[in-house]
N, C-alpha and C. Protein backbone atom coordinates (compact mmCIF):
# COMPACT_ATOMS: atom_id res chain seq x y z
N PHE A 1 173.49 97.07 -14.27
CA PHE A 1 173.80 95.82 -13.61
C PHE A 1 175.13 95.27 -14.11
N ALA A 2 175.41 95.48 -15.39
CA ALA A 2 176.68 95.02 -15.94
C ALA A 2 177.85 95.80 -15.35
N MET A 3 177.65 97.09 -15.07
CA MET A 3 178.72 97.87 -14.45
C MET A 3 178.97 97.39 -13.03
N VAL A 4 177.92 97.03 -12.32
CA VAL A 4 178.09 96.47 -10.97
C VAL A 4 178.90 95.19 -11.05
N GLN A 5 178.61 94.37 -12.04
CA GLN A 5 179.35 93.12 -12.18
C GLN A 5 180.81 93.38 -12.52
N THR A 6 181.08 94.36 -13.36
CA THR A 6 182.46 94.69 -13.70
C THR A 6 183.23 95.12 -12.46
N LEU A 7 182.62 96.01 -11.66
CA LEU A 7 183.27 96.44 -10.43
C LEU A 7 183.40 95.29 -9.44
N LEU A 8 182.41 94.42 -9.40
CA LEU A 8 182.45 93.27 -8.51
C LEU A 8 183.61 92.35 -8.85
N LEU A 9 183.83 92.12 -10.13
CA LEU A 9 184.93 91.23 -10.54
C LEU A 9 186.28 91.81 -10.15
N VAL A 10 186.43 93.12 -10.30
CA VAL A 10 187.70 93.75 -9.91
C VAL A 10 187.88 93.67 -8.40
N MET A 11 186.85 94.04 -7.65
CA MET A 11 186.94 94.02 -6.18
C MET A 11 187.10 92.60 -5.65
N ARG A 12 186.51 91.64 -6.31
CA ARG A 12 186.64 90.24 -5.90
C ARG A 12 188.09 89.81 -5.93
N LYS A 13 188.80 90.23 -6.97
CA LYS A 13 190.20 89.86 -7.10
C LYS A 13 191.08 90.67 -6.15
N VAL A 14 190.83 91.98 -6.08
CA VAL A 14 191.67 92.86 -5.26
C VAL A 14 191.51 92.54 -3.78
N MET A 15 190.28 92.34 -3.34
CA MET A 15 190.01 92.10 -1.91
C MET A 15 190.09 90.62 -1.53
N LYS A 16 190.43 89.78 -2.50
CA LYS A 16 190.55 88.33 -2.27
C LYS A 16 189.25 87.74 -1.70
N LEU A 17 188.16 87.99 -2.41
CA LEU A 17 186.84 87.51 -1.99
C LEU A 17 186.36 86.33 -2.82
N GLU A 18 187.29 85.60 -3.43
CA GLU A 18 186.91 84.48 -4.29
C GLU A 18 186.10 83.41 -3.56
N SER A 19 186.38 83.24 -2.26
CA SER A 19 185.65 82.21 -1.51
C SER A 19 184.22 82.66 -1.16
N TYR A 20 183.98 83.97 -1.10
CA TYR A 20 182.66 84.49 -0.76
C TYR A 20 181.81 84.74 -2.01
N ILE A 21 182.43 85.29 -3.03
CA ILE A 21 181.74 85.56 -4.29
C ILE A 21 182.22 84.52 -5.29
N THR A 22 181.43 83.50 -5.47
CA THR A 22 181.85 82.37 -6.30
C THR A 22 181.49 82.59 -7.76
N ILE A 23 181.99 81.72 -8.60
CA ILE A 23 181.66 81.75 -10.03
C ILE A 23 180.16 81.56 -10.23
N LYS A 24 179.54 80.78 -9.36
CA LYS A 24 178.09 80.56 -9.46
C LYS A 24 177.32 81.88 -9.29
N HIS A 25 177.77 82.74 -8.37
CA HIS A 25 177.13 84.05 -8.21
C HIS A 25 177.24 84.86 -9.49
N ILE A 26 178.41 84.83 -10.10
CA ILE A 26 178.64 85.59 -11.33
C ILE A 26 177.78 85.03 -12.46
N GLU A 27 177.65 83.71 -12.52
CA GLU A 27 176.79 83.10 -13.54
C GLU A 27 175.33 83.50 -13.36
N TYR A 28 174.88 83.57 -12.11
CA TYR A 28 173.51 84.00 -11.86
C TYR A 28 173.32 85.46 -12.27
N MET A 29 174.31 86.30 -12.02
CA MET A 29 174.23 87.69 -12.46
C MET A 29 174.16 87.76 -13.98
N ASN A 30 174.93 86.91 -14.67
CA ASN A 30 174.89 86.89 -16.13
C ASN A 30 173.51 86.50 -16.64
N ILE A 31 172.87 85.56 -15.97
CA ILE A 31 171.52 85.14 -16.37
C ILE A 31 170.55 86.30 -16.21
N VAL A 32 170.66 87.05 -15.12
CA VAL A 32 169.78 88.20 -14.91
C VAL A 32 169.99 89.23 -16.01
N ILE A 33 171.25 89.47 -16.38
CA ILE A 33 171.55 90.44 -17.45
C ILE A 33 170.95 89.98 -18.77
N ILE A 34 171.08 88.69 -19.08
CA ILE A 34 170.53 88.16 -20.33
C ILE A 34 169.00 88.25 -20.34
N VAL A 35 168.37 87.91 -19.23
CA VAL A 35 166.90 87.95 -19.17
C VAL A 35 166.38 89.38 -19.31
N THR A 36 166.97 90.32 -18.59
CA THR A 36 166.49 91.70 -18.69
C THR A 36 166.78 92.29 -20.07
N GLY A 37 167.90 91.94 -20.66
CA GLY A 37 168.19 92.39 -22.03
C GLY A 37 167.21 91.81 -23.02
N SER A 38 166.82 90.56 -22.81
CA SER A 38 165.84 89.93 -23.70
C SER A 38 164.47 90.58 -23.56
N ILE A 39 164.11 90.97 -22.35
CA ILE A 39 162.83 91.65 -22.14
C ILE A 39 162.82 92.97 -22.91
N VAL A 40 163.91 93.71 -22.85
CA VAL A 40 164.00 94.97 -23.60
C VAL A 40 163.93 94.70 -25.10
N GLY A 41 164.60 93.65 -25.56
CA GLY A 41 164.56 93.29 -26.98
C GLY A 41 163.15 92.95 -27.44
N VAL A 42 162.42 92.20 -26.63
CA VAL A 42 161.03 91.87 -26.97
C VAL A 42 160.18 93.13 -27.01
N ALA A 43 160.43 94.07 -26.11
CA ALA A 43 159.67 95.32 -26.12
C ALA A 43 159.93 96.09 -27.42
N TYR A 44 161.18 96.15 -27.87
CA TYR A 44 161.49 96.84 -29.13
C TYR A 44 160.84 96.14 -30.32
N ILE A 45 160.89 94.83 -30.35
CA ILE A 45 160.28 94.08 -31.45
C ILE A 45 158.76 94.27 -31.44
N THR A 46 158.15 94.28 -30.26
CA THR A 46 156.71 94.51 -30.14
C THR A 46 156.35 95.89 -30.65
N GLU A 47 157.17 96.88 -30.32
CA GLU A 47 156.91 98.24 -30.80
C GLU A 47 156.98 98.30 -32.32
N LEU A 48 157.95 97.64 -32.91
CA LEU A 48 158.07 97.59 -34.37
C LEU A 48 156.85 96.90 -34.98
N PHE A 49 156.44 95.78 -34.41
CA PHE A 49 155.29 95.04 -34.93
C PHE A 49 154.01 95.87 -34.84
N ILE A 50 153.79 96.51 -33.71
CA ILE A 50 152.57 97.30 -33.53
C ILE A 50 152.54 98.46 -34.52
N SER A 51 153.69 99.09 -34.74
CA SER A 51 153.71 100.21 -35.70
C SER A 51 153.43 99.72 -37.11
N TRP A 52 153.89 98.54 -37.45
CA TRP A 52 153.63 97.98 -38.79
C TRP A 52 152.19 97.49 -38.89
N TYR A 53 151.72 96.75 -37.89
CA TYR A 53 150.41 96.10 -37.94
C TYR A 53 149.26 97.11 -37.86
N SER A 54 149.47 98.21 -37.15
CA SER A 54 148.38 99.17 -36.99
C SER A 54 148.02 99.85 -38.31
N GLY A 55 149.00 100.01 -39.18
CA GLY A 55 148.73 100.66 -40.45
C GLY A 55 148.55 102.17 -40.35
N VAL A 56 148.76 102.71 -39.16
CA VAL A 56 148.62 104.15 -38.97
C VAL A 56 149.86 104.83 -39.53
N GLU A 57 149.64 105.76 -40.43
CA GLU A 57 150.75 106.42 -41.13
C GLU A 57 151.66 107.17 -40.16
N TYR A 58 151.08 107.84 -39.18
CA TYR A 58 151.87 108.64 -38.24
C TYR A 58 152.71 107.75 -37.32
N GLU A 59 152.13 106.64 -36.91
CA GLU A 59 152.87 105.70 -36.06
C GLU A 59 154.06 105.14 -36.82
N SER A 60 153.85 104.77 -38.08
CA SER A 60 154.94 104.25 -38.90
C SER A 60 156.02 105.30 -39.10
N TYR A 61 155.60 106.54 -39.37
CA TYR A 61 156.56 107.62 -39.56
C TYR A 61 157.38 107.85 -38.28
N ALA A 62 156.70 107.85 -37.14
CA ALA A 62 157.41 108.08 -35.88
C ALA A 62 158.44 106.99 -35.64
N PHE A 63 158.09 105.75 -35.93
CA PHE A 63 159.05 104.67 -35.71
C PHE A 63 160.21 104.76 -36.69
N ILE A 64 159.92 104.98 -37.96
CA ILE A 64 160.99 105.10 -38.97
C ILE A 64 161.89 106.28 -38.66
N ASN A 65 161.30 107.39 -38.22
CA ASN A 65 162.10 108.56 -37.88
C ASN A 65 163.01 108.28 -36.69
N ARG A 66 162.53 107.54 -35.71
CA ARG A 66 163.39 107.19 -34.58
C ARG A 66 164.52 106.27 -35.00
N ALA A 67 164.24 105.37 -35.93
CA ALA A 67 165.25 104.39 -36.35
C ALA A 67 166.26 104.97 -37.33
N THR A 68 165.84 105.93 -38.16
CA THR A 68 166.74 106.43 -39.21
C THR A 68 166.89 107.94 -39.18
N GLY A 69 166.25 108.62 -38.25
CA GLY A 69 166.29 110.08 -38.21
C GLY A 69 167.60 110.62 -37.65
N PRO A 70 167.60 111.90 -37.28
CA PRO A 70 168.84 112.53 -36.84
C PRO A 70 169.40 111.97 -35.53
N TYR A 71 168.56 111.35 -34.73
CA TYR A 71 169.03 110.78 -33.46
C TYR A 71 169.04 109.25 -33.49
N TRP A 72 169.28 108.65 -34.65
CA TRP A 72 169.29 107.19 -34.79
C TRP A 72 170.34 106.55 -33.89
N TRP A 73 171.42 107.23 -33.63
CA TRP A 73 172.53 106.67 -32.85
C TRP A 73 172.20 106.58 -31.37
N ALA A 74 171.21 107.35 -30.91
CA ALA A 74 170.88 107.36 -29.49
C ALA A 74 169.95 106.25 -29.22
């Protein structure tokens, strides 16, 4: 969605669509991006909490391995 907004901002200027695509539209798109990003953040925090709260050794290992293992950057 952020890539769509980036392209939209460029096309808005190039095609002179400022009167059709207003700042209010862009602000609404920003709100959608923030809300969906927050939903993903809550999902990650919930996953961390469940792995800690469950006390299951394998679940904790799987989470720690994902966070610090060979593919931590992905």
